[in-house]
PDB file of all heavy atoms in Angstrom:
ATOM      1  N   ASP A   1       0.853  -1.151  -0.009  1.00  0.00           N
ATOM      2  CA  ASP A   1       0.002  -0.005  -0.002  1.00  0.00           C
ATOM      3  C   ASP A   1       0.924   1.228   0.018  1.00  0.00           C
ATOM      4  O   ASP A   1       2.100   1.115   0.227  1.00  0.00           O
ATOM      5  CB  ASP A   1      -0.864   0.021   1.216  1.00  0.00           C
ATOM      6  CG  ASP A   1      -1.929  -1.053   1.235  1.00  0.00           C
ATOM      7  OD1 ASP A   1      -1.931  -1.944   0.332  1.00  0.00           O
ATOM      8  OD2 ASP A   1      -2.796  -1.081   2.135  1.00  0.00           O
ATOM      9  N   ARG A   2       0.358   2.371  -0.239  1.00  0.00           N
ATOM     10  CA  ARG A   2       1.084   3.658  -0.183  1.00  0.00           C
ATOM     11  C   ARG A   2       0.231   4.728   0.395  1.00  0.00           C
ATOM     12  O   ARG A   2      -1.019   4.685   0.267  1.00  0.00           O
ATOM     13  CB  ARG A   2       1.689   4.018  -1.492  1.00  0.00           C
ATOM     14  CG  ARG A   2       0.664   4.437  -2.538  1.00  0.00           C
ATOM     15  CD  ARG A   2       1.315   4.609  -3.906  1.00  0.00           C
ATOM     16  NE  ARG A   2       0.360   4.998  -4.921  1.00  0.00           N
ATOM     17  CZ  ARG A   2       0.630   5.088  -6.229  1.00  0.00           C
ATOM     18  NH1 ARG A   2       1.914   4.922  -6.661  1.00  0.00           N
ATOM     19  NH2 ARG A   2      -0.271   5.445  -7.086  1.00  0.00           N
ATOM     20  N   GLN A   3       0.868   5.756   0.968  1.00  0.00           N
ATOM     21  CA  GLN A   3       0.127   6.903   1.490  1.00  0.00           C
ATOM     22  C   GLN A   3       0.902   8.130   1.093  1.00  0.00           C
ATOM     23  O   GLN A   3       2.117   8.322   1.532  1.00  0.00           O
ATOM     24  CB  GLN A   3      -0.056   6.857   2.989  1.00  0.00           C
ATOM     25  CG  GLN A   3      -0.930   7.929   3.511  1.00  0.00           C
ATOM     26  CD  GLN A   3      -1.418   7.669   4.909  1.00  0.00           C
ATOM     27  OE1 GLN A   3      -0.874   6.846   5.630  1.00  0.00           O
ATOM     28  NE2 GLN A   3      -2.475   8.330   5.317  1.00  0.00           N
ATOM     29  N   ALA A   4       0.287   8.973   0.261  1.00  0.00           N
ATOM     30  CA  ALA A   4       0.905  10.242  -0.120  1.00  0.00           C
ATOM     31  C   ALA A   4       0.516  11.281   0.857  1.00  0.00           C
ATOM     32  O   ALA A   4      -0.505  11.168   1.575  1.00  0.00           O
ATOM     33  CB  ALA A   4       0.421  10.579  -1.555  1.00  0.00           C
ATOM     34  N   PRO A   5       1.264  12.421   0.919  1.00  0.00           N
ATOM     35  CA  PRO A   5       0.933  13.477   1.893  1.00  0.00           C
ATOM     36  C   PRO A   5      -0.491  13.957   1.656  1.00  0.00           C
ATOM     37  O   PRO A   5      -0.855  14.333   0.548  1.00  0.00           O
ATOM     38  CB  PRO A   5       1.998  14.523   1.580  1.00  0.00           C
ATOM     39  CG  PRO A   5       3.127  13.791   0.985  1.00  0.00           C
ATOM     40  CD  PRO A   5       2.523  12.646   0.230  1.00  0.00           C
ATOM     41  N   GLY A   6      -1.268  14.066   2.743  1.00  0.00           N
ATOM     42  CA  GLY A   6      -2.556  14.603   2.630  1.00  0.00           C
ATOM     43  C   GLY A   6      -3.642  13.696   2.064  1.00  0.00           C
ATOM     44  O   GLY A   6      -4.770  14.077   1.828  1.00  0.00           O
ATOM     45  N   LYS A   7      -3.200  12.429   1.776  1.00  0.00           N
ATOM     46  CA  LYS A   7      -4.110  11.498   1.150  1.00  0.00           C
ATOM     47  C   LYS A   7      -4.264  10.240   2.014  1.00  0.00           C
ATOM     48  O   LYS A   7      -3.499   9.991   2.915  1.00  0.00           O
ATOM     49  CB  LYS A   7      -3.653  11.095  -0.262  1.00  0.00           C
ATOM     50  CG  LYS A   7      -3.647  12.229  -1.244  1.00  0.00           C
ATOM     51  CD  LYS A   7      -3.325  11.738  -2.643  1.00  0.00           C
ATOM     52  CE  LYS A   7      -3.381  12.930  -3.675  1.00  0.00           C
ATOM     53  NZ  LYS A   7      -3.083  12.445  -5.029  1.00  0.00           N
ATOM     54  N   GLU A   8      -5.339   9.516   1.722  1.00  0.00           N
ATOM     55  CA  GLU A   8      -5.542   8.268   2.453  1.00  0.00           C
ATOM     56  C   GLU A   8      -4.638   7.192   1.889  1.00  0.00           C
ATOM     57  O   GLU A   8      -4.196   7.220   0.744  1.00  0.00           O
ATOM     58  CB  GLU A   8      -7.027   7.825   2.328  1.00  0.00           C
ATOM     59  CG  GLU A   8      -8.021   8.774   3.001  1.00  0.00           C
ATOM     60  CD  GLU A   8      -9.410   8.210   2.966  1.00  0.00           C
ATOM     61  OE1 GLU A   8      -9.654   7.197   2.360  1.00  0.00           O
ATOM     62  OE2 GLU A   8     -10.254   8.877   3.625  1.00  0.00           O
ATOM     63  N   ARG A   9      -4.372   6.204   2.744  1.00  0.00           N
ATOM     64  CA  ARG A   9      -3.584   5.053   2.320  1.00  0.00           C
ATOM     65  C   ARG A   9      -4.365   4.287   1.242  1.00  0.00           C
ATOM     66  O   ARG A   9      -5.564   4.100   1.358  1.00  0.00           O
ATOM     67  CB  ARG A   9      -3.245   4.138   3.504  1.00  0.00           C
ATOM     68  CG  ARG A   9      -2.187   3.101   3.193  1.00  0.00           C
ATOM     69  CD  ARG A   9      -1.791   2.350   4.465  1.00  0.00           C
ATOM     70  NE  ARG A   9      -1.174   3.269   5.432  1.00  0.00           N
ATOM     71  CZ  ARG A   9      -0.479   2.831   6.515  1.00  0.00           C
ATOM     72  NH1 ARG A   9      -0.428   1.501   6.743  1.00  0.00           N
ATOM     73  NH2 ARG A   9       0.021   3.683   7.355  1.00  0.00           N
ATOM     74  N   GLU A  10      -3.653   3.871   0.224  1.00  0.00           N
ATOM     75  CA  GLU A  10      -4.334   3.117  -0.884  1.00  0.00           C
ATOM     76  C   GLU A  10      -3.597   1.834  -1.230  1.00  0.00           C
ATOM     77  O   GLU A  10      -2.351   1.762  -1.071  1.00  0.00           O
ATOM     78  CB  GLU A  10      -4.425   3.978  -2.137  1.00  0.00           C
ATOM     79  CG  GLU A  10      -3.122   4.325  -2.791  1.00  0.00           C
ATOM     80  CD  GLU A  10      -3.249   4.919  -4.233  1.00  0.00           C
ATOM     81  OE1 GLU A  10      -4.396   4.929  -4.795  1.00  0.00           O
ATOM     82  OE2 GLU A  10      -2.260   5.401  -4.711  1.00  0.00           O
ATOM     83  N   PHE A  11      -4.333   0.852  -1.669  1.00  0.00           N
ATOM     84  CA  PHE A  11      -3.749  -0.413  -2.137  1.00  0.00           C
ATOM     85  C   PHE A  11      -2.995  -0.151  -3.437  1.00  0.00           C
ATOM     86  O   PHE A  11      -3.444   0.606  -4.285  1.00  0.00           O
ATOM     87  CB  PHE A  11      -4.868  -1.394  -2.380  1.00  0.00           C
ATOM     88  CG  PHE A  11      -4.452  -2.642  -3.121  1.00  0.00           C
ATOM     89  CD1 PHE A  11      -3.889  -3.661  -2.433  1.00  0.00           C
ATOM     90  CD2 PHE A  11      -4.637  -2.710  -4.504  1.00  0.00           C
ATOM     91  CE1 PHE A  11      -3.516  -4.864  -3.120  1.00  0.00           C
ATOM     92  CE2 PHE A  11      -4.200  -3.890  -5.197  1.00  0.00           C
ATOM     93  CZ  PHE A  11      -3.678  -4.960  -4.476  1.00  0.00           C
ATOM     94  N   VAL A  12      -1.804  -0.768  -3.596  1.00  0.00           N
ATOM     95  CA  VAL A  12      -1.005  -0.628  -4.787  1.00  0.00           C
ATOM     96  C   VAL A  12      -0.911  -1.942  -5.511  1.00  0.00           C
ATOM     97  O   VAL A  12      -1.203  -1.994  -6.716  1.00  0.00           O
ATOM     98  CB  VAL A  12       0.411  -0.150  -4.440  1.00  0.00           C
ATOM     99  CG1 VAL A  12       1.310  -0.121  -5.729  1.00  0.00           C
ATOM    100  CG2 VAL A  12       0.397   1.220  -3.828  1.00  0.00           C
ATOM    101  N   ALA A  13      -0.504  -2.982  -4.836  1.00  0.00           N
ATOM    102  CA  ALA A  13      -0.336  -4.278  -5.496  1.00  0.00           C
ATOM    103  C   ALA A  13      -0.422  -5.410  -4.500  1.00  0.00           C
ATOM    104  O   ALA A  13      -0.043  -5.222  -3.315  1.00  0.00           O
ATOM    105  CB  ALA A  13       1.041  -4.328  -6.206  1.00  0.00           C
ATOM    106  N   GLY A  14      -0.870  -6.606  -4.957  1.00  0.00           N
ATOM    107  CA  GLY A  14      -0.921  -7.706  -4.080  1.00  0.00           C
ATOM    108  C   GLY A  14      -0.527  -8.976  -4.800  1.00  0.00           C
ATOM    109  O   GLY A  14      -0.664  -9.059  -6.033  1.00  0.00           O
ATOM    110  N   VAL A  15      -0.037  -9.971  -4.034  1.00  0.00           N
ATOM    111  CA  VAL A  15       0.361 -11.242  -4.629  1.00  0.00           C
ATOM    112  C   VAL A  15      -0.237 -12.375  -3.713  1.00  0.00           C
ATOM    113  O   VAL A  15      -0.186 -12.262  -2.492  1.00  0.00           O
ATOM    114  CB  VAL A  15       1.858 -11.390  -4.797  1.00  0.00           C
ATOM    115  CG1 VAL A  15       2.587 -11.280  -3.453  1.00  0.00           C
ATOM    116  CG2 VAL A  15       2.243 -12.665  -5.512  1.00  0.00           C
ATOM    117  N   SER A  16      -0.748 -13.409  -4.365  1.00  0.00           N
ATOM    118  CA  SER A  16      -1.371 -14.460  -3.605  1.00  0.00           C
ATOM    119  C   SER A  16      -0.275 -15.307  -2.928  1.00  0.00           C
ATOM    120  O   SER A  16       0.901 -15.153  -3.191  1.00  0.00           O
ATOM    121  CB  SER A  16      -2.158 -15.378  -4.531  1.00  0.00           C
ATOM    122  OG  SER A  16      -1.317 -15.973  -5.481  1.00  0.00           O
ATOM    123  N   SER A  17      -0.679 -16.199  -2.057  1.00  0.00           N
ATOM    124  CA  SER A  17       0.221 -17.057  -1.306  1.00  0.00           C
ATOM    125  C   SER A  17       1.034 -17.939  -2.266  1.00  0.00           C
ATOM    126  O   SER A  17       2.245 -18.231  -1.968  1.00  0.00           O
ATOM    127  CB  SER A  17      -0.505 -17.906  -0.294  1.00  0.00           C
ATOM    128  OG  SER A  17      -1.493 -18.751  -0.936  1.00  0.00           O
ATOM    129  N   THR A  18       0.403 -18.311  -3.374  1.00  0.00           N
ATOM    130  CA  THR A  18       1.132 -19.221  -4.356  1.00  0.00           C
ATOM    131  C   THR A  18       1.974 -18.405  -5.264  1.00  0.00           C
ATOM    132  O   THR A  18       2.840 -18.959  -5.957  1.00  0.00           O
ATOM    133  CB  THR A  18       0.087 -19.967  -5.179  1.00  0.00           C
ATOM    134  OG1 THR A  18      -0.686 -19.040  -5.950  1.00  0.00           O
ATOM    135  CG2 THR A  18      -0.821 -20.828  -4.281  1.00  0.00           C
ATOM    136  N   GLY A  19       1.770 -17.083  -5.336  1.00  0.00           N
ATOM    137  CA  GLY A  19       2.532 -16.270  -6.279  1.00  0.00           C
ATOM    138  C   GLY A  19       1.948 -16.261  -7.701  1.00  0.00           C
ATOM    139  O   GLY A  19       2.451 -15.555  -8.540  1.00  0.00           O
ATOM    140  N   ARG A  20       0.910 -16.996  -7.893  1.00  0.00           N
ATOM    141  CA  ARG A  20       0.320 -17.115  -9.246  1.00  0.00           C
ATOM    142  C   ARG A  20      -0.619 -15.982  -9.600  1.00  0.00           C
ATOM    143  O   ARG A  20      -0.847 -15.702 -10.755  1.00  0.00           O
ATOM    144  CB  ARG A  20      -0.413 -18.413  -9.418  1.00  0.00           C
ATOM    145  CG  ARG A  20       0.438 -19.677  -9.211  1.00  0.00           C
ATOM    146  CD  ARG A  20      -0.310 -20.897  -9.649  1.00  0.00           C
ATOM    147  NE  ARG A  20       0.451 -22.120  -9.352  1.00  0.00           N
ATOM    148  CZ  ARG A  20       0.161 -22.888  -8.350  1.00  0.00           C
ATOM    149  NH1 ARG A  20      -0.840 -22.646  -7.533  1.00  0.00           N
ATOM    150  NH2 ARG A  20       0.927 -23.965  -8.129  1.00  0.00           N
ATOM    151  N   GLU A  21      -1.169 -15.320  -8.554  1.00  0.00           N
ATOM    152  CA  GLU A  21      -2.101 -14.223  -8.790  1.00  0.00           C
ATOM    153  C   GLU A  21      -1.562 -12.862  -8.332  1.00  0.00           C
ATOM    154  O   GLU A  21      -1.046 -12.795  -7.199  1.00  0.00           O
ATOM    155  CB  GLU A  21      -3.433 -14.533  -8.131  1.00  0.00           C
ATOM    156  CG  GLU A  21      -4.116 -15.759  -8.628  1.00  0.00           C
ATOM    157  CD  GLU A  21      -5.419 -16.062  -7.937  1.00  0.00           C
ATOM    158  OE1 GLU A  21      -5.874 -15.200  -7.137  1.00  0.00           O
ATOM    159  OE2 GLU A  21      -6.011 -17.118  -8.161  1.00  0.00           O
ATOM    160  N   GLU A  22      -1.615 -11.924  -9.190  1.00  0.00           N
ATOM    161  CA  GLU A  22      -1.155 -10.612  -8.843  1.00  0.00           C
ATOM    162  C   GLU A  22      -2.287  -9.598  -9.147  1.00  0.00           C
ATOM    163  O   GLU A  22      -2.996  -9.751 -10.145  1.00  0.00           O
ATOM    164  CB  GLU A  22       0.091 -10.221  -9.727  1.00  0.00           C
ATOM    165  CG  GLU A  22       1.263 -11.116  -9.550  1.00  0.00           C
ATOM    166  CD  GLU A  22       2.347 -10.873 -10.588  1.00  0.00           C
ATOM    167  OE1 GLU A  22       2.315  -9.809 -11.240  1.00  0.00           O
ATOM    168  OE2 GLU A  22       3.180 -11.782 -10.766  1.00  0.00           O
ATOM    169  N   THR A  23      -2.430  -8.579  -8.369  1.00  0.00           N
ATOM    170  CA  THR A  23      -3.399  -7.559  -8.572  1.00  0.00           C
ATOM    171  C   THR A  23      -2.760  -6.156  -8.413  1.00  0.00           C
ATOM    172  O   THR A  23      -1.783  -6.055  -7.610  1.00  0.00           O
ATOM    173  CB  THR A  23      -4.619  -7.648  -7.652  1.00  0.00           C
ATOM    174  OG1 THR A  23      -4.128  -7.657  -6.296  1.00  0.00           O
ATOM    175  CG2 THR A  23      -5.399  -8.930  -7.896  1.00  0.00           C
ATOM    176  N   TYR A  24      -3.229  -5.192  -9.171  1.00  0.00           N
ATOM    177  CA  TYR A  24      -2.645  -3.882  -9.164  1.00  0.00           C
ATOM    178  C   TYR A  24      -3.742  -2.841  -9.242  1.00  0.00           C
ATOM    179  O   TYR A  24      -4.780  -2.992  -9.892  1.00  0.00           O
ATOM    180  CB  TYR A  24      -1.718  -3.665 -10.359  1.00  0.00           C
ATOM    181  CG  TYR A  24      -0.566  -4.663 -10.407  1.00  0.00           C
ATOM    182  CD1 TYR A  24      -0.681  -5.880 -11.108  1.00  0.00           C
ATOM    183  CD2 TYR A  24       0.640  -4.389  -9.754  1.00  0.00           C
ATOM    184  CE1 TYR A  24       0.376  -6.731 -11.136  1.00  0.00           C
ATOM    185  CE2 TYR A  24       1.690  -5.305  -9.787  1.00  0.00           C
ATOM    186  CZ  TYR A  24       1.557  -6.448 -10.519  1.00  0.00           C
ATOM    187  OH  TYR A  24       2.627  -7.307 -10.475  1.00  0.00           O
ATOM    188  N   VAL A  25      -3.447  -1.734  -8.579  1.00  0.00           N
ATOM    189  CA  VAL A  25      -4.305  -0.567  -8.790  1.00  0.00           C
ATOM    190  C   VAL A  25      -4.043  -0.060 -10.239  1.00  0.00           C
ATOM    191  O   VAL A  25      -2.935  -0.187 -10.766  1.00  0.00           O
ATOM    192  CB  VAL A  25      -4.046   0.539  -7.761  1.00  0.00           C
ATOM    193  CG1 VAL A  25      -2.653   1.126  -7.940  1.00  0.00           C
ATOM    194  CG2 VAL A  25      -5.074   1.626  -7.788  1.00  0.00           C
ATOM    195  N   ASP A  26      -5.103   0.499 -10.856  1.00  0.00           N
ATOM    196  CA  ASP A  26      -4.983   0.866 -12.275  1.00  0.00           C
ATOM    197  C   ASP A  26      -3.873   1.811 -12.562  1.00  0.00           C
ATOM    198  O   ASP A  26      -3.184   1.758 -13.594  1.00  0.00           O
ATOM    199  CB  ASP A  26      -6.309   1.514 -12.735  1.00  0.00           C
ATOM    200  CG  ASP A  26      -7.441   0.485 -12.938  1.00  0.00           C
ATOM    201  OD1 ASP A  26      -7.137  -0.727 -12.913  1.00  0.00           O
ATOM    202  OD2 ASP A  26      -8.594   0.920 -12.995  1.00  0.00           O
ATOM    203  N   SER A  27      -3.576   2.729 -11.614  1.00  0.00           N
ATOM    204  CA  SER A  27      -2.599   3.783 -11.818  1.00  0.00           C
ATOM    205  C   SER A  27      -1.137   3.231 -11.953  1.00  0.00           C
ATOM    206  O   SER A  27      -0.258   3.960 -12.397  1.00  0.00           O
ATOM    207  CB  SER A  27      -2.646   4.812 -10.751  1.00  0.00           C
ATOM    208  OG  SER A  27      -2.400   4.247  -9.462  1.00  0.00           O
ATOM    209  N   VAL A  28      -0.897   2.022 -11.501  1.00  0.00           N
ATOM    210  CA  VAL A  28       0.448   1.429 -11.570  1.00  0.00           C
ATOM    211  C   VAL A  28       0.501   0.244 -12.500  1.00  0.00           C
ATOM    212  O   VAL A  28       1.618  -0.281 -12.788  1.00  0.00           O
ATOM    213  CB  VAL A  28       0.984   1.038 -10.182  1.00  0.00           C
ATOM    214  CG1 VAL A  28       0.846   2.256  -9.180  1.00  0.00           C
ATOM    215  CG2 VAL A  28       0.364  -0.183  -9.652  1.00  0.00           C
ATOM    216  N   SER A  29      -0.618  -0.226 -12.955  1.00  0.00           N
ATOM    217  CA  SER A  29      -0.614  -1.438 -13.809  1.00  0.00           C
ATOM    218  C   SER A  29       0.202  -1.178 -15.081  1.00  0.00           C
ATOM    219  O   SER A  29       0.147  -0.152 -15.741  1.00  0.00           O
ATOM    220  CB  SER A  29      -2.040  -1.733 -14.235  1.00  0.00           C
ATOM    221  OG  SER A  29      -2.118  -2.910 -14.944  1.00  0.00           O
ATOM    222  N   GLY A  30       1.081  -2.149 -15.356  1.00  0.00           N
ATOM    223  CA  GLY A  30       2.019  -2.012 -16.480  1.00  0.00           C
ATOM    224  C   GLY A  30       3.311  -1.350 -16.125  1.00  0.00           C
ATOM    225  O   GLY A  30       4.279  -1.427 -16.929  1.00  0.00           O
ATOM    226  N   ARG A  31       3.402  -0.753 -14.983  1.00  0.00           N
ATOM    227  CA  ARG A  31       4.646  -0.083 -14.535  1.00  0.00           C
ATOM    228  C   ARG A  31       5.301  -0.785 -13.305  1.00  0.00           C
ATOM    229  O   ARG A  31       6.454  -0.825 -13.167  1.00  0.00           O
ATOM    230  CB  ARG A  31       4.397   1.376 -14.227  1.00  0.00           C
ATOM    231  CG  ARG A  31       3.880   2.221 -15.357  1.00  0.00           C
ATOM    232  CD  ARG A  31       3.826   3.649 -15.001  1.00  0.00           C
ATOM    233  NE  ARG A  31       2.903   3.986 -13.886  1.00  0.00           N
ATOM    234  CZ  ARG A  31       3.250   4.554 -12.769  1.00  0.00           C
ATOM    235  NH1 ARG A  31       4.533   4.940 -12.551  1.00  0.00           N
ATOM    236  NH2 ARG A  31       2.342   4.818 -11.811  1.00  0.00           N
ATOM    237  N   PHE A  32       4.481  -1.277 -12.441  1.00  0.00           N
ATOM    238  CA  PHE A  32       4.973  -1.949 -11.233  1.00  0.00           C
ATOM    239  C   PHE A  32       4.735  -3.437 -11.344  1.00  0.00           C
ATOM    240  O   PHE A  32       3.764  -3.919 -11.937  1.00  0.00           O
ATOM    241  CB  PHE A  32       4.172  -1.443 -10.023  1.00  0.00           C
ATOM    242  CG  PHE A  32       4.440   0.003  -9.615  1.00  0.00           C
ATOM    243  CD1 PHE A  32       5.154   0.898 -10.428  1.00  0.00           C
ATOM    244  CD2 PHE A  32       3.949   0.445  -8.402  1.00  0.00           C
ATOM    245  CE1 PHE A  32       5.361   2.170 -10.015  1.00  0.00           C
ATOM    246  CE2 PHE A  32       4.138   1.760  -7.984  1.00  0.00           C
ATOM    247  CZ  PHE A  32       4.874   2.618  -8.803  1.00  0.00           C
ATOM    248  N   THR A  33       5.603  -4.178 -10.717  1.00  0.00           N
ATOM    249  CA  THR A  33       5.487  -5.635 -10.614  1.00  0.00           C
ATOM    250  C   THR A  33       5.782  -6.129  -9.240  1.00  0.00           C
ATOM    251  O   THR A  33       6.826  -5.789  -8.650  1.00  0.00           O
ATOM    252  CB  THR A  33       6.456  -6.352 -11.603  1.00  0.00           C
ATOM    253  OG1 THR A  33       6.232  -5.869 -12.959  1.00  0.00           O
ATOM    254  CG2 THR A  33       6.288  -7.880 -11.565  1.00  0.00           C
ATOM    255  N   ILE A  34       4.854  -6.904  -8.650  1.00  0.00           N
ATOM    256  CA  ILE A  34       5.032  -7.504  -7.352  1.00  0.00           C
ATOM    257  C   ILE A  34       5.471  -8.913  -7.508  1.00  0.00           C
ATOM    258  O   ILE A  34       5.014  -9.603  -8.494  1.00  0.00           O
ATOM    259  CB  ILE A  34       3.718  -7.388  -6.477  1.00  0.00           C
ATOM    260  CG1 ILE A  34       3.976  -7.816  -5.061  1.00  0.00           C
ATOM    261  CG2 ILE A  34       2.625  -8.182  -7.113  1.00  0.00           C
ATOM    262  CD1 ILE A  34       2.855  -7.489  -4.091  1.00  0.00           C
ATOM    263  N   SER A  35       6.356  -9.365  -6.674  1.00  0.00           N
ATOM    264  CA  SER A  35       6.834 -10.711  -6.708  1.00  0.00           C
ATOM    265  C   SER A  35       7.240 -11.202  -5.330  1.00  0.00           C
ATOM    266  O   SER A  35       7.374 -10.342  -4.397  1.00  0.00           O
ATOM    267  CB  SER A  35       8.037 -10.881  -7.674  1.00  0.00           C
ATOM    268  OG  SER A  35       9.127 -10.104  -7.233  1.00  0.00           O
ATOM    269  N   ARG A  36       7.396 -12.467  -5.146  1.00  0.00           N
ATOM    270  CA  ARG A  36       7.770 -13.006  -3.855  1.00  0.00           C
ATOM    271  C   ARG A  36       8.813 -14.095  -4.008  1.00  0.00           C
ATOM    272  O   ARG A  36       8.867 -14.798  -4.996  1.00  0.00           O
ATOM    273  CB  ARG A  36       6.566 -13.516  -3.106  1.00  0.00           C
ATOM    274  CG  ARG A  36       5.850 -14.700  -3.787  1.00  0.00           C
ATOM    275  CD  ARG A  36       4.522 -15.019  -3.086  1.00  0.00           C
ATOM    276  NE  ARG A  36       4.760 -15.392  -1.678  1.00  0.00           N
ATOM    277  CZ  ARG A  36       3.814 -15.202  -0.722  1.00  0.00           C
ATOM    278  NH1 ARG A  36       2.679 -14.664  -1.018  1.00  0.00           N
ATOM    279  NH2 ARG A  36       4.110 -15.653   0.533  1.00  0.00           N
ATOM    280  N   ASP A  37       9.650 -14.199  -2.990  1.00  0.00           N
ATOM    281  CA  ASP A  37      10.690 -15.230  -2.886  1.00  0.00           C
ATOM    282  C   ASP A  37      10.480 -15.906  -1.575  1.00  0.00           C
ATOM    283  O   ASP A  37      10.890 -15.404  -0.510  1.00  0.00           O
ATOM    284  CB  ASP A  37      12.069 -14.619  -2.997  1.00  0.00           C
ATOM    285  CG  ASP A  37      13.145 -15.670  -3.020  1.00  0.00           C
ATOM    286  OD1 ASP A  37      12.915 -16.823  -2.601  1.00  0.00           O
ATOM    287  OD2 ASP A  37      14.269 -15.351  -3.441  1.00  0.00           O
ATOM    288  N   ASP A  38       9.755 -17.054  -1.587  1.00  0.00           N
ATOM    289  CA  ASP A  38       9.435 -17.711  -0.349  1.00  0.00           C
ATOM    290  C   ASP A  38      10.660 -18.272   0.370  1.00  0.00           C
ATOM    291  O   ASP A  38      10.696 -18.413   1.603  1.00  0.00           O
ATOM    292  CB  ASP A  38       8.456 -18.884  -0.619  1.00  0.00           C
ATOM    293  CG  ASP A  38       7.087 -18.350  -0.958  1.00  0.00           C
ATOM    294  OD1 ASP A  38       6.797 -17.135  -0.812  1.00  0.00           O
ATOM    295  OD2 ASP A  38       6.250 -19.192  -1.438  1.00  0.00           O
ATOM    296  N   ALA A  39      11.767 -18.547  -0.355  1.00  0.00           N
ATOM    297  CA  ALA A  39      12.965 -19.051   0.287  1.00  0.00           C
ATOM    298  C   ALA A  39      13.645 -17.931   1.157  1.00  0.00           C
ATOM    299  O   ALA A  39      14.319 -18.237   2.106  1.00  0.00           O
ATOM    300  CB  ALA A  39      13.958 -19.497  -0.791  1.00  0.00           C
ATOM    301  N   LYS A  40      13.335 -16.681   0.823  1.00  0.00           N
ATOM    302  CA  LYS A  40      13.900 -15.580   1.567  1.00  0.00           C
ATOM    303  C   LYS A  40      12.857 -14.862   2.402  1.00  0.00           C
ATOM    304  O   LYS A  40      13.174 -13.841   3.043  1.00  0.00           O
ATOM    305  CB  LYS A  40      14.519 -14.568   0.572  1.00  0.00           C
ATOM    306  CG  LYS A  40      15.708 -15.104  -0.146  1.00  0.00           C
ATOM    307  CD  LYS A  40      16.299 -14.084  -1.094  1.00  0.00           C
ATOM    308  CE  LYS A  40      17.528 -14.610  -1.819  1.00  0.00           C
ATOM    309  NZ  LYS A  40      18.135 -13.599  -2.709  1.00  0.00           N
ATOM    310  N   ASN A  41      11.629 -15.344   2.408  1.00  0.00           N
ATOM    311  CA  ASN A  41      10.504 -14.681   3.179  1.00  0.00           C
ATOM    312  C   ASN A  41      10.427 -13.230   2.801  1.00  0.00           C
ATOM    313  O   ASN A  41      10.293 -12.329   3.673  1.00  0.00           O
ATOM    314  CB  ASN A  41      10.712 -14.845   4.673  1.00  0.00           C
ATOM    315  CG  ASN A  41      10.373 -16.223   5.184  1.00  0.00           C
ATOM    316  OD1 ASN A  41      10.173 -17.145   4.404  1.00  0.00           O
ATOM    317  ND2 ASN A  41      10.295 -16.364   6.515  1.00  0.00           N
ATOM    318  N   THR A  42      10.513 -12.935   1.532  1.00  0.00           N
ATOM    319  CA  THR A  42      10.579 -11.554   1.051  1.00  0.00           C
ATOM    320  C   THR A  42       9.632 -11.325  -0.123  1.00  0.00           C
ATOM    321  O   THR A  42       9.487 -12.217  -0.993  1.00  0.00           O
ATOM    322  CB  THR A  42      12.014 -11.222   0.642  1.00  0.00           C
ATOM    323  OG1 THR A  42      12.888 -11.347   1.773  1.00  0.00           O
ATOM    324  CG2 THR A  42      12.117  -9.800   0.156  1.00  0.00           C
ATOM    325  N   VAL A  43       9.004 -10.198  -0.146  1.00  0.00           N
ATOM    326  CA  VAL A  43       8.208  -9.758  -1.241  1.00  0.00           C
ATOM    327  C   VAL A  43       8.812  -8.456  -1.775  1.00  0.00           C
ATOM    328  O   VAL A  43       9.353  -7.707  -1.017  1.00  0.00           O
ATOM    329  CB  VAL A  43       6.681  -9.541  -0.777  1.00  0.00           C
ATOM    330  CG1 VAL A  43       6.534  -8.444   0.226  1.00  0.00           C
ATOM    331  CG2 VAL A  43       5.830  -9.251  -2.019  1.00  0.00           C
TER     332      VAL A  43
END
């Protein structure tokens, strides 16, 4: 999620537990990519 000054926090991107499903807010779709590395417990 992100929060800009003076604005409410908004969802940006999400990834499912399996990593197979990704969702994005329209404003970042095509520019941002979410990914996960379960071996490193990192997104």
